[in-house]
Amino acid sequence: MRISTSWAQQLGVNSMLARQASLSKTQMQLSTGLKVLTPADDPAAAVRALDLQETIDKTHQYQDNIFTARTRLNIEESVLAGSEDVLFRAKELTIQAANATLSGNDRLAIKQEVDQLLDELAGLANTKNANGEFIFSGDLSSVPPFAYDSGSQSYVYQGGINQRVLQIGPERQVADGDLGLNVFENIDSAASPDGKRSIFNTLKALSDSLGGDFQAASGAITGDRFLRYGLDYSAAPTSFNLSSDAGGPVTVSLSGNYASLDEVVGAINATAGLAAAGITARSSGNNIEFVSSTQGAASSITINAGTGGFLTDAGFAEGQTGTGADLPATNVLNEQLNNVLTDLDSALDSFLRARTSVGARLNALDDQELHNEKFILDTQTTLSETQDLDYAEAISRFNLQTVSLQAAQQAYAKVQQLSLFNYL
C-alpha cells in the first residue's frame, strides 16, 4: 500500500482539528458551567432542562403573585382597621346623641362630626392600591366602589360583582381583596324595609336625624342583578308591567340592544304613560330601580312579568312591591338612634368577618410561599443534575485533551520532516 505525502499531511491536520474541536468544546463547558451546550449534545437532557426551567419560571411568577396579593391584603387589613375605628367613634356619638338633656345645637355639633366620619369612611372604602386600583371594586378596579347618588340621596355601590383572584400555585388561587358590596353595602339593618342597608346610608340617616332633616320615603323596588353593561333584547323582545299608587299598570316593552344601564333606563323612561303613572326608572349603582313619585306610607310601586325574561335578567321577583314611609315625628329620634346602634354593630360584625377572611388568606399565602420555595429548590437541584457540569471531570478531561493536542502537533511536525529525498 502506498501512502502519498499529501495524504499523510491531511491525516495529521485532521487529527489536530479533531483534538482542537474537543478541547474547544470542553473550554466552552468550563466557561458556561453547562455540560449540554446544544440540543445535539443530548436531545433528551436538553428537552428536560427546558421543561424544568419553565416550571421554575412559572413558580417564580406564583411567588410574585403572592407578593402582590399580600401587599393588597395588607392594605385592606389597614383600611378595615381604620373603618372599625370610625364606627366605634360613631357609636360613641350615637349614644351621646341619645341623651335627652342635649339641645338642638348640641346635636348639630354631633352631626358635624358624624358628617366628617361619613366622609372619612367613604374615603377608606374608595382606597386605591399602589397601581391606582380601587381595592373594594373587584373586577371593576378602575371604578370607585362607592359614590353619592343625588337622585336617591344615598350612597350606591358601583363596583364589580366578582372578586379578583391571583394564581399562587398550580392548583391554588386566592382573592386579593373583598367586594365593597359584601363589606360595606349589604349590612343587616333594623331600619330598612328589605333588611339590608349600607353603612354609609346608616351614618347618613344618623346625620339627618341629628339635623332634623327628615324626609318621607317613596315606594321603590331595586333589582339585584349586575346591569352595568346593559341588556340585549334585539333577538327576543321582552315586556313587563309597572303600577304605582298614582296609576297604572303600564306595559313597558324592550326590543333593542342596550349597551349600558343608562340606555336601559332611558328606554324604559321613554315608555308612554309611565310618567303619568308617577313611575320613574333610575340607576342605583349597577342595578336598576323603579320609584313612585309620591311619598309617605301610601306610596307604593309593583312590578309584574309580561313576556320574556326581564324580571329575571334585572333581578326582580314577580309581584315585587315597595312601599314608602311617613315623615317621622321628633319623638321617634331615640328609636332611630337605637336602629343606628344596631346597624353599627352589624357593620362591625361585617368588618370582623372580612378581617378574619383577610387573615386566613394571608396565612394561606405564607404557607404557599414556603411550599413554592421548596419546590423551586428541588426543581433547581434536578435541573443542575441534568445540565450542570462536573468541573472535576471536565478539568481532568481538559488536561488530557491538551496533552493529546500537543502530541498530535508534535507528530505532525515529525511527519512533515519525512521525505525520500533525504535518503537519496
Protein backbone atom coordinates (compact mmCIF):
# COMPACT_ATOMS: atom_id res chain seq x y z
CA MET A 1 0.00 0.00 0.00
CA ARG A 2 1.34 3.36 -0.99
CA ILE A 3 0.91 6.41 1.19
CA SER A 4 1.32 9.74 -0.50
CA THR A 5 2.88 12.72 1.19
CA SER A 6 -0.30 14.80 0.88
CA TRP A 7 -2.39 12.06 2.48
CA ALA A 8 -0.03 11.77 5.43
CA GLN A 9 -0.18 15.54 5.81
CA GLN A 10 -4.00 15.55 5.70
CA LEU A 11 -4.20 12.81 8.31
CA GLY A 12 -2.09 14.91 10.65
CA VAL A 13 -4.21 18.01 10.05
CA ASN A 14 -7.47 16.10 10.63
CA SER A 15 -6.10 14.71 13.88
CA MET A 16 -5.16 18.16 15.16
CA LEU A 17 -8.52 19.65 14.12
CA ALA A 18 -10.46 16.89 15.90
CA ARG A 19 -8.48 17.40 19.10
CA GLN A 20 -8.87 21.19 18.85
CA ALA A 21 -12.66 20.77 18.48
CA SER A 22 -12.84 18.53 21.55
CA LEU A 23 -10.68 20.94 23.53
CA SER A 24 -12.78 23.93 22.41
CA LYS A 25 -15.99 22.19 23.49
CA THR A 26 -14.51 21.43 26.92
CA GLN A 27 -13.39 25.07 27.23
CA MET A 28 -16.96 26.21 26.44
CA GLN A 29 -18.33 23.81 29.05
CA LEU A 30 -15.92 25.18 31.63
CA SER A 31 -16.79 28.79 30.80
CA THR A 32 -20.60 28.26 30.85
CA GLY A 33 -20.74 25.63 33.58
CA LEU A 34 -23.04 23.53 31.37
CA LYS A 35 -22.40 20.06 30.07
CA VAL A 36 -25.14 20.29 27.41
CA LEU A 37 -24.23 23.21 25.16
CA THR A 38 -26.62 22.45 22.30
CA PRO A 39 -29.61 20.11 21.93
CA ALA A 40 -27.45 17.97 19.63
CA ASP A 41 -25.18 17.13 22.57
CA ASP A 42 -28.01 15.34 24.43
CA PRO A 43 -31.54 15.87 23.00
CA ALA A 44 -33.32 14.23 25.93
CA ALA A 45 -31.40 16.24 28.51
CA ALA A 46 -31.98 19.47 26.57
CA VAL A 47 -35.76 18.94 26.49
CA ARG A 48 -35.83 18.04 30.16
CA ALA A 49 -33.80 21.14 31.04
CA LEU A 50 -36.25 23.36 29.15
CA ASP A 51 -39.22 21.80 30.94
CA LEU A 52 -37.58 22.19 34.33
CA GLN A 53 -36.64 25.83 33.65
CA GLU A 54 -40.20 26.61 32.51
CA THR A 55 -41.53 25.10 35.73
CA ILE A 56 -39.12 27.20 37.79
CA ASP A 57 -40.08 30.39 35.92
CA LYS A 58 -43.77 29.66 36.43
CA THR A 59 -43.27 29.08 40.15
CA HIS A 60 -41.34 32.36 40.41
CA GLN A 61 -44.41 34.02 38.88
CA TYR A 62 -46.52 32.41 41.59
CA GLN A 63 -44.16 33.92 44.15
CA ASP A 64 -44.58 37.34 42.52
CA ASN A 65 -48.36 36.89 42.67
CA ILE A 66 -48.09 36.03 46.37
CA PHE A 67 -46.16 39.25 46.98
CA THR A 68 -48.80 41.23 45.08
CA ALA A 69 -51.70 39.58 46.90
CA ARG A 70 -50.03 40.05 50.29
CA THR A 71 -49.48 43.75 49.58
CA ARG A 72 -53.11 44.27 48.58
CA LEU A 73 -54.48 42.29 51.51
CA ASN A 74 -52.30 44.23 53.94
CA ILE A 75 -53.77 47.45 52.54
CA GLU A 76 -57.27 46.04 53.00
CA GLU A 77 -56.47 44.99 56.57
CA SER A 78 -55.32 48.52 57.33
CA VAL A 79 -58.45 50.01 55.75
CA LEU A 80 -60.73 47.69 57.70
CA ALA A 81 -58.96 48.57 60.95
CA GLY A 82 -59.43 52.26 60.18
CA SER A 83 -63.08 51.67 59.31
CA GLU A 84 -63.66 49.96 62.63
CA ASP A 85 -62.22 52.99 64.42
CA VAL A 86 -64.69 55.20 62.53
CA LEU A 87 -67.63 53.03 63.58
CA PHE A 88 -66.54 52.88 67.21
CA ARG A 89 -66.48 56.68 67.26
CA ALA A 90 -69.86 56.77 65.53
CA LYS A 91 -71.26 54.51 68.25
CA GLU A 92 -69.96 56.85 70.93
CA LEU A 93 -71.59 59.82 69.23
CA THR A 94 -74.88 57.96 68.77
CA ILE A 95 -75.03 57.07 72.44
CA GLN A 96 -74.14 60.66 73.30
CA ALA A 97 -76.87 61.99 71.00
CA ALA A 98 -79.49 59.87 72.76
CA ASN A 99 -79.03 61.98 75.91
CA ALA A 100 -82.33 63.79 76.43
CA THR A 101 -80.62 66.78 78.05
CA LEU A 102 -78.86 67.77 74.81
CA SER A 103 -80.05 70.86 73.00
CA GLY A 104 -80.61 71.16 69.27
CA ASN A 105 -77.28 72.94 68.91
CA ASP A 106 -75.56 70.12 70.80
CA ARG A 107 -76.95 67.60 68.32
CA LEU A 108 -75.93 69.80 65.39
CA ALA A 109 -72.37 69.77 66.74
CA ILE A 110 -72.51 65.96 66.89
CA LYS A 111 -73.95 65.93 63.37
CA GLN A 112 -70.91 67.81 62.08
CA GLU A 113 -68.57 65.17 63.44
CA VAL A 114 -70.78 62.39 62.06
CA ASP A 115 -70.55 64.04 58.63
CA GLN A 116 -66.77 64.04 58.93
CA LEU A 117 -66.82 60.38 59.89
CA LEU A 118 -69.02 59.62 56.90
CA ASP A 119 -66.57 61.34 54.55
CA GLU A 120 -63.67 59.51 56.19
CA LEU A 121 -65.36 56.14 55.82
CA ALA A 122 -66.23 56.82 52.18
CA GLY A 123 -62.59 57.72 51.58
CA LEU A 124 -61.43 54.49 53.21
CA ALA A 125 -63.87 52.42 51.16
CA ASN A 126 -62.57 54.07 47.98
CA THR A 127 -58.91 53.35 48.82
CA LYS A 128 -56.57 52.59 45.91
CA ASN A 129 -53.55 50.33 45.86
CA ALA A 130 -50.11 51.23 44.51
CA ASN A 131 -51.31 50.57 40.94
CA GLY A 132 -54.18 53.05 41.27
CA GLU A 133 -56.80 50.30 41.51
CA PHE A 134 -59.73 50.54 43.90
CA ILE A 135 -59.30 47.64 46.31
CA PHE A 136 -63.02 47.12 47.02
CA SER A 137 -64.26 47.28 43.39
CA GLY A 138 -63.47 43.69 42.47
CA ASP A 139 -63.12 43.13 38.74
CA LEU A 140 -64.07 46.78 38.04
CA SER A 141 -60.96 48.04 39.79
CA SER A 142 -60.85 51.28 37.79
CA VAL A 143 -64.28 52.36 39.08
CA PRO A 144 -64.75 53.89 42.56
CA PRO A 145 -66.81 51.36 44.52
CA PHE A 146 -68.99 53.92 46.30
CA ALA A 147 -70.48 57.22 45.22
CA TYR A 148 -73.21 59.50 46.47
CA ASP A 149 -76.27 59.48 44.21
CA SER A 150 -78.06 62.82 44.41
CA GLY A 151 -81.19 61.33 42.85
CA SER A 152 -81.82 58.79 45.57
CA GLN A 153 -79.88 60.86 48.13
CA SER A 154 -77.97 57.78 49.20
CA TYR A 155 -74.66 56.05 48.65
CA VAL A 156 -74.65 53.38 45.95
CA TYR A 157 -72.21 50.60 45.11
CA GLN A 158 -70.91 50.80 41.54
CA GLY A 159 -68.00 48.35 41.64
CA GLY A 160 -67.87 44.84 40.22
CA ILE A 161 -69.62 41.71 41.45
CA ASN A 162 -66.67 39.34 41.02
CA GLN A 163 -63.61 39.14 43.23
CA ARG A 164 -60.22 39.28 41.55
CA VAL A 165 -58.10 36.21 42.13
CA LEU A 166 -54.41 35.53 41.66
CA GLN A 167 -52.81 32.17 40.92
CA ILE A 168 -50.39 31.33 43.73
CA GLY A 169 -49.81 27.66 42.88
CA PRO A 170 -50.53 25.16 40.11
CA GLU A 171 -53.93 24.35 41.62
CA ARG A 172 -54.44 27.22 44.05
CA GLN A 173 -55.90 30.70 43.75
CA VAL A 174 -56.54 33.40 46.32
CA ALA A 175 -58.73 36.52 46.22
CA ASP A 176 -56.60 39.66 46.50
CA GLY A 177 -59.44 41.68 48.04
CA ASP A 178 -63.08 41.74 49.09
CA LEU A 179 -66.04 43.32 47.35
CA GLY A 180 -67.28 46.54 48.90
CA LEU A 181 -70.73 45.16 48.18
CA ASN A 182 -70.16 42.49 50.83
CA VAL A 183 -68.18 44.56 53.34
CA PHE A 184 -69.88 47.96 53.40
CA GLU A 185 -73.14 47.57 51.49
CA ASN A 186 -75.26 44.56 52.42
CA ILE A 187 -75.31 45.16 56.17
CA ASP A 188 -78.15 43.72 58.22
CA SER A 189 -80.42 46.63 59.14
CA ALA A 190 -83.29 47.03 61.57
CA ALA A 191 -84.48 50.17 59.80
CA SER A 192 -84.52 49.13 56.15
CA PRO A 193 -87.66 47.50 54.66
CA ASP A 194 -85.62 44.82 52.92
CA GLY A 195 -83.43 44.21 55.98
CA LYS A 196 -80.22 45.49 54.33
CA ARG A 197 -78.58 48.91 54.33
CA SER A 198 -75.11 50.19 53.56
CA ILE A 199 -73.11 51.56 56.46
CA PHE A 200 -72.84 54.87 54.59
CA ASN A 201 -76.59 55.25 54.47
CA THR A 202 -76.77 54.30 58.16
CA LEU A 203 -74.39 57.16 59.03
CA LYS A 204 -76.29 59.48 56.70
CA ALA A 205 -79.54 58.55 58.44
CA LEU A 206 -77.84 59.35 61.76
CA SER A 207 -76.71 62.72 60.39
CA ASP A 208 -80.18 63.52 59.02
CA SER A 209 -81.78 62.60 62.34
CA LEU A 210 -79.43 64.81 64.32
CA GLY A 211 -80.13 67.70 61.93
CA GLY A 212 -83.88 67.16 61.99
CA ASP A 213 -83.70 66.68 58.21
CA PHE A 214 -86.45 64.10 57.90
CA GLN A 215 -87.84 63.10 54.53
CA ALA A 216 -90.81 60.98 53.71
CA ALA A 217 -89.78 57.91 51.76
CA SER A 218 -91.16 56.94 48.36
CA GLY A 219 -92.14 53.45 47.33
CA ALA A 220 -89.20 51.88 45.46
CA ILE A 221 -88.02 48.47 44.26
CA THR A 222 -84.45 47.66 43.22
CA GLY A 223 -83.22 44.73 41.15
CA ASP A 224 -80.27 42.72 42.38
CA ARG A 225 -78.64 41.86 39.03
CA PHE A 226 -75.48 43.50 37.69
CA LEU A 227 -76.59 45.59 34.68
CA ARG A 228 -73.59 47.83 34.11
CA TYR A 229 -73.18 46.51 30.57
CA GLY A 230 -76.86 46.72 29.68
CA LEU A 231 -79.25 44.13 28.24
CA ASP A 232 -79.80 42.75 24.74
CA TYR A 233 -83.36 42.14 23.57
CA SER A 234 -82.75 42.66 19.85
CA ALA A 235 -83.37 38.96 19.12
CA ALA A 236 -86.12 38.27 21.68
CA PRO A 237 -88.19 41.31 22.84
CA THR A 238 -89.49 41.43 26.38
CA SER A 239 -92.18 43.28 28.31
CA PHE A 240 -93.27 43.84 31.91
CA ASN A 241 -95.89 45.83 33.83
CA LEU A 242 -95.38 48.61 36.37
CA SER A 243 -98.03 50.14 38.61
CA SER A 244 -97.94 52.61 41.47
CA ASP A 245 -100.33 54.22 43.91
CA ALA A 246 -100.55 57.07 41.40
CA GLY A 247 -101.60 55.00 38.39
CA GLY A 248 -101.00 52.07 36.09
CA PRO A 249 -100.45 49.37 35.22
CA VAL A 250 -98.21 50.49 32.35
CA THR A 251 -96.70 47.96 29.97
CA VAL A 252 -93.02 48.53 29.22
CA SER A 253 -91.58 46.87 26.10
CA LEU A 254 -87.90 46.49 25.28
CA SER A 255 -86.72 45.25 21.88
CA GLY A 256 -83.24 46.64 21.30
CA ASN A 257 -79.63 46.07 22.27
CA TYR A 258 -78.93 48.40 25.19
CA ALA A 259 -75.18 48.64 25.75
CA SER A 260 -75.31 50.18 29.22
CA LEU A 261 -77.54 50.55 32.26
CA ASP A 262 -78.18 54.18 31.32
CA GLU A 263 -79.51 53.08 27.93
CA VAL A 264 -81.87 50.60 29.59
CA VAL A 265 -83.13 53.29 31.98
CA GLY A 266 -83.59 55.76 29.13
CA ALA A 267 -85.59 53.26 27.05
CA ILE A 268 -87.89 52.44 29.98
CA ASN A 269 -88.50 56.09 30.90
CA ALA A 270 -89.43 56.78 27.26
CA THR A 271 -92.46 54.47 27.61
CA ALA A 272 -95.71 56.32 27.03
CA GLY A 273 -97.83 56.68 30.16
CA LEU A 274 -95.07 55.85 32.63
CA ALA A 275 -94.56 59.42 33.82
CA ALA A 276 -98.32 59.91 34.08
CA ALA A 277 -98.46 56.88 36.38
CA GLY A 278 -95.90 58.55 38.63
CA ILE A 279 -93.17 55.98 37.95
CA THR A 280 -89.51 56.65 37.20
CA ALA A 281 -86.70 54.24 36.37
CA ARG A 282 -83.19 55.13 37.55
CA SER A 283 -79.82 53.52 38.09
CA SER A 284 -78.74 52.55 41.57
CA GLY A 285 -75.08 51.71 41.30
CA ASN A 286 -75.02 48.81 38.85
CA ASN A 287 -78.69 47.92 39.41
CA ILE A 288 -81.97 49.32 38.13
CA GLU A 289 -84.55 50.88 40.45
CA PHE A 290 -88.19 51.89 39.97
CA VAL A 291 -89.56 54.69 42.16
CA SER A 292 -93.01 56.16 42.77
CA SER A 293 -93.30 59.94 42.52
CA THR A 294 -95.41 60.08 45.68
CA GLN A 295 -94.11 59.95 49.24
CA GLY A 296 -95.34 58.57 52.52
CA ALA A 297 -96.75 55.30 53.74
CA ALA A 298 -99.34 55.20 50.93
CA SER A 299 -96.63 55.40 48.26
CA SER A 300 -96.13 52.07 46.52
CA ILE A 301 -94.83 50.52 43.32
CA THR A 302 -95.26 46.99 41.93
CA ILE A 303 -93.73 45.06 39.04
CA ASN A 304 -95.28 42.09 37.22
CA ALA A 305 -93.97 39.91 34.43
CA GLY A 306 -95.13 40.20 30.85
CA THR A 307 -93.31 38.36 28.08
CA GLY A 308 -89.67 37.42 28.00
CA GLY A 309 -87.28 37.39 30.93
CA PHE A 310 -86.75 40.98 32.05
CA LEU A 311 -87.66 40.31 35.68
CA THR A 312 -85.10 37.51 35.93
CA ASP A 313 -82.47 39.42 33.96
CA ALA A 314 -82.79 42.52 36.16
CA GLY A 315 -83.23 40.66 39.46
CA PHE A 316 -86.87 41.29 40.34
CA ALA A 317 -89.49 38.90 41.72
CA GLU A 318 -92.98 38.52 40.26
CA GLY A 319 -95.33 40.89 42.09
CA GLN A 320 -92.47 42.55 43.97
CA THR A 321 -93.77 45.63 45.79
CA GLY A 322 -92.05 48.51 47.51
CA THR A 323 -93.76 50.90 49.94
CA GLY A 324 -92.82 54.29 51.32
CA ALA A 325 -92.87 55.74 54.81
CA ASP A 326 -94.31 58.82 56.51
CA LEU A 327 -92.28 61.66 57.91
CA PRO A 328 -91.03 60.58 61.32
CA ALA A 329 -92.09 62.63 64.30
CA THR A 330 -89.50 64.26 66.52
CA ASN A 331 -90.25 61.89 69.36
CA VAL A 332 -89.05 58.92 67.32
CA LEU A 333 -85.47 60.21 67.30
CA ASN A 334 -84.42 57.77 70.00
CA GLU A 335 -85.91 54.88 68.03
CA GLN A 336 -83.85 55.91 65.02
CA LEU A 337 -80.74 56.19 67.14
CA ASN A 338 -81.37 52.70 68.50
CA ASN A 339 -81.69 51.41 64.94
CA VAL A 340 -78.41 53.11 64.06
CA LEU A 341 -76.69 51.46 67.01
CA THR A 342 -77.98 48.08 65.89
CA ASP A 343 -76.80 48.71 62.33
CA LEU A 344 -73.38 49.85 63.53
CA ASP A 345 -72.98 46.59 65.46
CA SER A 346 -73.93 44.66 62.32
CA ALA A 347 -71.38 46.64 60.31
CA LEU A 348 -68.67 45.92 62.88
CA ASP A 349 -69.52 42.23 62.58
CA SER A 350 -69.17 42.54 58.80
CA PHE A 351 -65.76 44.17 59.18
CA LEU A 352 -64.69 41.48 61.64
CA ARG A 353 -65.67 38.73 59.20
CA ALA A 354 -63.76 40.49 56.44
CA ARG A 355 -60.65 40.88 58.62
CA THR A 356 -60.86 37.21 59.60
CA SER A 357 -61.05 36.26 55.93
CA VAL A 358 -58.09 38.51 55.12
CA GLY A 359 -56.07 36.92 57.92
CA ALA A 360 -56.86 33.43 56.67
CA ARG A 361 -55.75 34.37 53.16
CA LEU A 362 -52.53 35.92 54.45
CA ASN A 363 -51.78 32.66 56.28
CA ALA A 364 -52.52 30.73 53.10
CA LEU A 365 -50.08 32.96 51.22
CA ASP A 366 -47.35 32.29 53.79
CA ASP A 367 -47.89 28.52 53.57
CA GLN A 368 -47.93 28.51 49.77
CA GLU A 369 -44.84 30.71 49.62
CA LEU A 370 -42.86 28.20 51.71
CA HIS A 371 -44.13 25.34 49.56
CA ASN A 372 -43.15 27.20 46.37
CA GLU A 373 -39.68 27.96 47.75
CA LYS A 374 -39.05 24.29 48.50
CA PHE A 375 -40.41 23.28 45.11
CA ILE A 376 -38.11 25.76 43.34
CA LEU A 377 -35.10 24.46 45.29
CA ASP A 378 -35.92 20.83 44.50
CA THR A 379 -36.50 21.62 40.82
CA GLN A 380 -33.28 23.62 40.59
CA THR A 381 -31.41 20.64 42.08
CA THR A 382 -32.87 18.37 39.40
CA LEU A 383 -32.06 20.93 36.71
CA SER A 384 -28.49 21.16 37.99
CA GLU A 385 -28.09 17.40 37.80
CA THR A 386 -29.43 17.50 34.25
CA GLN A 387 -27.37 20.32 32.75
CA ASP A 388 -24.63 21.47 35.12
CA LEU A 389 -21.04 20.50 34.51
CA ASP A 390 -18.91 18.24 36.73
CA TYR A 391 -15.93 20.57 36.98
CA ALA A 392 -13.51 17.96 38.37
CA GLU A 393 -14.19 15.60 35.48
CA ALA A 394 -14.13 18.44 32.93
CA ILE A 395 -10.78 19.80 34.16
CA SER A 396 -9.22 16.33 34.01
CA ARG A 397 -10.60 15.90 30.51
CA PHE A 398 -9.31 19.34 29.53
CA ASN A 399 -5.78 18.43 30.66
CA LEU A 400 -5.86 15.15 28.75
CA GLN A 401 -7.17 16.85 25.63
CA THR A 402 -4.46 19.49 25.89
CA VAL A 403 -1.74 16.82 26.07
CA SER A 404 -3.39 14.93 23.20
CA LEU A 405 -3.42 18.07 21.04
CA GLN A 406 0.22 18.77 21.81
CA ALA A 407 1.13 15.19 20.87
CA ALA A 408 -0.78 15.49 17.61
CA GLN A 409 1.02 18.73 16.81
CA GLN A 410 4.42 17.19 17.53
CA ALA A 411 3.58 14.10 15.46
CA TYR A 412 2.53 16.33 12.56
CA ALA A 413 5.81 18.19 12.75
CA LYS A 414 7.76 14.92 12.66
CA VAL A 415 5.78 13.58 9.73
CA GLN A 416 6.41 16.79 7.82
CA GLN A 417 10.14 16.12 8.06
CA LEU A 418 9.86 12.66 6.41
CA SER A 419 10.86 12.64 2.72
CA LEU A 420 12.59 10.16 0.37
CA PHE A 421 14.75 12.95 -0.91
CA ASN A 422 16.52 12.90 2.44
CA TYR A 423 17.75 9.40 1.71
CA LEU A 424 18.80 9.75 -1.92
